[in-house]
Amino acid sequence: MRLNVLQKLLERIYRIEVDLDVEDFLITDPDLARRLDTSINPRESKEKLLVSQQDDHLDLALFLDASVLARLTDDDPLVSLHSENFIDFLLAVEGVSHFLYLIWNAGVERGVTLMELEMQAEVDKFVTATSLWKRQGKSLVPSELRYCLFEAPAYDAALDQVQRQRYEDANHYAGKYCLRLETRYLKRARAGEMMEELRRFYRLTQGEKIRLINSIA
């Protein structure tokens, strides 16, 4: 699976365009990823967006473990997404989502928080999976997908309290928003209207997104 194809899928969904190709920033060597990781509490992960900022200069690298890419090459979810390649697909979506959302916001001169990156990535997982299954002509049960993503999440035991809370908050808000997408649009076959809402949502700030989600009955 080519990550830049996944990037273009997300760009089409959200009707955005960035000039950078995610594959130009891809690294697969875990030792290199460890050396580039300047976060306060670095931890082992098969996917990680590495960011270093000095003044207006931003250095980026997207680490995705070589074993994940190898499995996605052998069993391409863009051709057929199923249970055997689903977890690796989610890792790829998360990495590309982080990269794209950070670059797009930098292009409109807006900063993003770590929580905002995680929340958008969770929404992107739900949206890309539903989009691919529909395109591949497979029966889709949004509630089962939503349960898998949001009702029974597994968190890394190495997360500290602040990190764990951030992931839990991102999962909570994204899950509530995807329930809205399921009940308002997917169950009523209103895919076009859902795309328009998603594009508006993508452009909101973190505060605006949370206020919208909190307003959902």
Protein backbone atom coordinates (compact mmCIF):
# COMPACT_ATOMS: atom_id res chain seq x y z
CA MET A 1 0.00 0.00 0.00
CA ARG A 2 1.35 3.41 -0.97
CA LEU A 3 0.95 5.94 1.81
CA ASN A 4 0.64 8.80 -0.67
CA VAL A 5 -2.43 7.09 -2.15
CA LEU A 6 -3.94 7.07 1.33
CA GLN A 7 -2.95 10.73 1.67
CA LYS A 8 -4.78 11.56 -1.57
CA LEU A 9 -7.86 9.69 -0.32
CA LEU A 10 -7.95 11.88 2.80
CA GLU A 11 -7.34 15.00 0.72
CA ARG A 12 -10.33 14.12 -1.47
CA ILE A 13 -12.54 13.41 1.53
CA TYR A 14 -11.75 16.76 3.14
CA ARG A 15 -11.32 18.68 -0.12
CA ILE A 16 -7.86 19.91 0.80
CA GLU A 17 -4.53 19.86 -1.00
CA VAL A 18 -0.97 19.99 0.33
CA ASP A 19 2.19 20.24 -1.74
CA LEU A 20 4.17 17.69 0.30
CA ASP A 21 4.20 13.92 -0.22
CA VAL A 22 4.10 11.86 2.97
CA GLU A 23 6.43 9.25 1.51
CA ASP A 24 9.20 11.85 1.24
CA PHE A 25 9.11 12.06 5.06
CA LEU A 26 8.77 8.34 5.77
CA ILE A 27 11.34 6.46 7.84
CA THR A 28 11.16 2.78 8.81
CA ASP A 29 14.29 2.37 10.95
CA PRO A 30 13.33 2.22 14.66
CA ASP A 31 16.84 3.22 15.77
CA LEU A 32 16.67 6.37 13.67
CA ALA A 33 13.19 7.08 15.06
CA ARG A 34 14.53 6.81 18.62
CA ARG A 35 17.33 9.27 17.85
CA LEU A 36 14.91 11.76 16.30
CA ASP A 37 12.32 11.52 19.08
CA THR A 38 12.68 14.62 21.26
CA SER A 39 9.45 14.16 23.19
CA ILE A 40 9.43 14.38 26.99
CA ASN A 41 8.40 10.77 27.52
CA PRO A 42 9.50 8.82 24.41
CA ARG A 43 8.08 5.33 24.06
CA GLU A 44 8.24 2.46 21.61
CA SER A 45 5.59 2.59 18.93
CA LYS A 46 5.10 1.17 15.45
CA GLU A 47 3.84 4.58 14.26
CA LYS A 48 5.05 8.00 15.31
CA LEU A 49 5.07 11.50 13.85
CA LEU A 50 8.37 13.10 14.82
CA VAL A 51 8.30 16.89 15.02
CA SER A 52 10.97 19.44 15.84
CA GLN A 53 10.24 23.17 15.66
CA GLN A 54 12.62 26.10 15.92
CA ASP A 55 11.03 29.52 15.38
CA ASP A 56 9.18 29.23 12.06
CA HIS A 57 11.11 26.14 10.91
CA LEU A 58 9.44 22.74 11.22
CA ASP A 59 11.28 19.43 10.80
CA LEU A 60 9.11 16.35 10.27
CA ALA A 61 9.49 12.63 9.88
CA LEU A 62 6.84 9.92 9.93
CA PHE A 63 8.01 6.62 11.39
CA LEU A 64 6.10 3.51 10.37
CA ASP A 65 7.65 0.19 11.26
CA ALA A 66 8.98 -1.74 8.27
CA SER A 67 7.03 -4.85 9.30
CA VAL A 68 3.76 -2.91 9.09
CA LEU A 69 4.58 -1.62 5.61
CA ALA A 70 5.61 -5.10 4.48
CA ARG A 71 2.29 -6.60 5.56
CA LEU A 72 0.37 -3.76 3.92
CA THR A 73 2.32 -4.34 0.70
CA ASP A 74 1.46 -8.05 0.73
CA ASP A 75 -2.19 -7.46 1.64
CA ASP A 76 -3.22 -4.02 0.41
CA PRO A 77 -6.28 -2.65 2.29
CA LEU A 78 -6.86 -0.13 -0.49
CA VAL A 79 -7.67 -3.15 -2.65
CA SER A 80 -9.43 -5.18 0.04
CA LEU A 81 -9.84 -4.05 3.63
CA HIS A 82 -10.64 -6.92 5.98
CA SER A 83 -9.98 -8.22 9.48
CA GLU A 84 -6.48 -9.52 8.73
CA ASN A 85 -5.05 -6.18 7.57
CA PHE A 86 -7.30 -3.89 9.60
CA ILE A 87 -4.91 -3.14 12.51
CA ASP A 88 -1.99 -2.34 10.21
CA PHE A 89 -4.32 -0.18 8.12
CA LEU A 90 -5.29 1.82 11.22
CA LEU A 91 -1.61 2.46 12.01
CA ALA A 92 -1.06 3.76 8.50
CA VAL A 93 -4.15 5.98 8.64
CA GLU A 94 -3.06 7.40 11.97
CA GLY A 95 0.38 8.33 10.67
CA VAL A 96 -0.86 9.86 7.42
CA SER A 97 -3.65 11.68 9.27
CA HIS A 98 -1.18 13.24 11.72
CA PHE A 99 1.13 14.30 8.90
CA LEU A 100 -1.63 15.76 6.74
CA TYR A 101 -3.45 17.59 9.53
CA LEU A 102 -0.26 19.18 10.84
CA ILE A 103 0.89 20.28 7.38
CA TRP A 104 -2.52 21.63 6.37
CA ASN A 105 -2.87 23.66 9.56
CA ALA A 106 0.68 24.99 9.19
CA GLY A 107 -0.30 26.10 5.69
CA VAL A 108 -3.11 28.24 7.08
CA GLU A 109 -0.80 29.44 9.87
CA ARG A 110 -2.65 27.69 12.67
CA GLY A 111 -1.10 25.60 15.40
CA VAL A 112 -2.54 22.31 16.61
CA THR A 113 -2.42 20.47 19.92
CA LEU A 114 -1.49 16.83 20.41
CA MET A 115 -5.03 16.10 21.53
CA GLU A 116 -6.42 17.68 18.35
CA LEU A 117 -4.13 15.52 16.21
CA GLU A 118 -5.29 12.38 17.99
CA MET A 119 -8.98 13.28 17.82
CA GLN A 120 -8.83 13.97 14.09
CA ALA A 121 -6.92 10.75 13.48
CA GLU A 122 -9.63 8.74 15.25
CA VAL A 123 -12.29 10.34 13.06
CA ASP A 124 -10.15 9.67 9.99
CA LYS A 125 -9.93 5.97 10.83
CA PHE A 126 -13.73 5.70 10.94
CA VAL A 127 -14.23 7.74 7.78
CA THR A 128 -11.57 6.04 5.63
CA ALA A 129 -12.71 2.56 6.63
CA THR A 130 -16.34 3.32 5.77
CA SER A 131 -15.26 4.94 2.50
CA LEU A 132 -13.12 1.98 1.46
CA TRP A 133 -15.69 -0.65 2.38
CA LYS A 134 -18.32 1.18 0.37
CA ARG A 135 -15.99 1.54 -2.61
CA GLN A 136 -15.05 -2.14 -2.38
CA GLY A 137 -18.71 -3.15 -2.42
CA LYS A 138 -18.66 -4.74 1.01
CA SER A 139 -21.49 -4.73 3.51
CA LEU A 140 -20.88 -2.08 6.14
CA VAL A 141 -22.08 -2.15 9.72
CA PRO A 142 -21.01 1.25 11.12
CA SER A 143 -21.95 0.33 14.68
CA GLU A 144 -19.51 -2.61 14.64
CA LEU A 145 -16.73 -0.40 13.31
CA ARG A 146 -17.50 2.27 15.88
CA TYR A 147 -17.47 -0.33 18.66
CA CYS A 148 -14.06 -1.59 17.52
CA LEU A 149 -12.59 1.91 17.43
CA PHE A 150 -14.24 3.59 20.39
CA GLU A 151 -16.01 1.24 22.76
CA ALA A 152 -13.14 -1.10 23.57
CA PRO A 153 -9.90 0.85 23.08
CA ALA A 154 -6.57 -0.60 24.24
CA TYR A 155 -4.05 1.92 25.56
CA ASP A 156 -0.30 1.50 25.76
CA ALA A 157 0.74 0.68 29.33
CA ALA A 158 3.79 2.94 28.87
CA LEU A 159 1.62 6.06 28.66
CA ASP A 160 1.99 8.44 31.58
CA GLN A 161 -1.10 9.96 33.21
CA VAL A 162 -1.16 13.06 31.02
CA GLN A 163 -0.70 11.07 27.82
CA ARG A 164 -3.33 8.52 28.83
CA GLN A 165 -5.84 11.29 29.54
CA ARG A 166 -5.15 12.87 26.16
CA TYR A 167 -5.81 9.61 24.34
CA GLU A 168 -8.94 8.95 26.37
CA ASP A 169 -10.30 12.42 25.65
CA ALA A 170 -9.54 12.12 21.94
CA ASN A 171 -11.25 8.72 21.83
CA HIS A 172 -14.29 10.02 23.73
CA TYR A 173 -14.89 13.04 21.52
CA ALA A 174 -14.15 11.24 18.26
CA GLY A 175 -16.42 8.36 19.25
CA LYS A 176 -19.29 10.69 20.05
CA TYR A 177 -18.81 12.53 16.77
CA CYS A 178 -18.69 9.30 14.73
CA LEU A 179 -21.92 8.18 16.39
CA ARG A 180 -23.42 11.40 15.03
CA LEU A 181 -22.10 10.54 11.55
CA GLU A 182 -23.57 7.05 11.79
CA THR A 183 -27.04 8.03 12.99
CA ARG A 184 -27.46 11.23 10.98
CA TYR A 185 -25.92 10.19 7.68
CA LEU A 186 -24.79 6.59 7.22
CA LYS A 187 -28.02 4.98 8.41
CA ARG A 188 -29.96 7.32 6.14
CA ALA A 189 -27.74 6.90 3.05
CA ARG A 190 -26.82 10.59 3.06
CA ALA A 191 -23.14 10.20 2.19
CA GLY A 192 -22.94 13.46 0.25
CA GLU A 193 -24.22 15.49 3.19
CA MET A 194 -21.80 13.65 5.49
CA MET A 195 -18.86 14.70 3.30
CA GLU A 196 -19.91 18.33 3.54
CA GLU A 197 -20.12 18.12 7.32
CA LEU A 198 -16.74 16.40 7.55
CA ARG A 199 -15.14 19.17 5.53
CA ARG A 200 -16.55 21.79 7.86
CA PHE A 201 -15.46 19.79 10.91
CA TYR A 202 -11.90 19.43 9.61
CA ARG A 203 -11.53 23.20 9.42
CA LEU A 204 -12.73 23.90 12.95
CA THR A 205 -10.34 24.61 15.79
CA GLN A 206 -10.07 22.15 18.67
CA GLY A 207 -12.32 24.30 20.85
CA GLU A 208 -14.93 24.60 18.10
CA LYS A 209 -14.88 20.84 17.50
CA ILE A 210 -15.37 20.07 21.18
CA ARG A 211 -18.21 22.57 21.48
CA LEU A 212 -19.91 21.00 18.48
CA ILE A 213 -19.51 17.50 19.89
CA ASN A 214 -20.73 18.56 23.33
CA SER A 215 -23.86 19.98 21.71
CA ILE A 216 -24.81 16.57 20.35
CA ALA A 217 -27.78 15.22 22.23
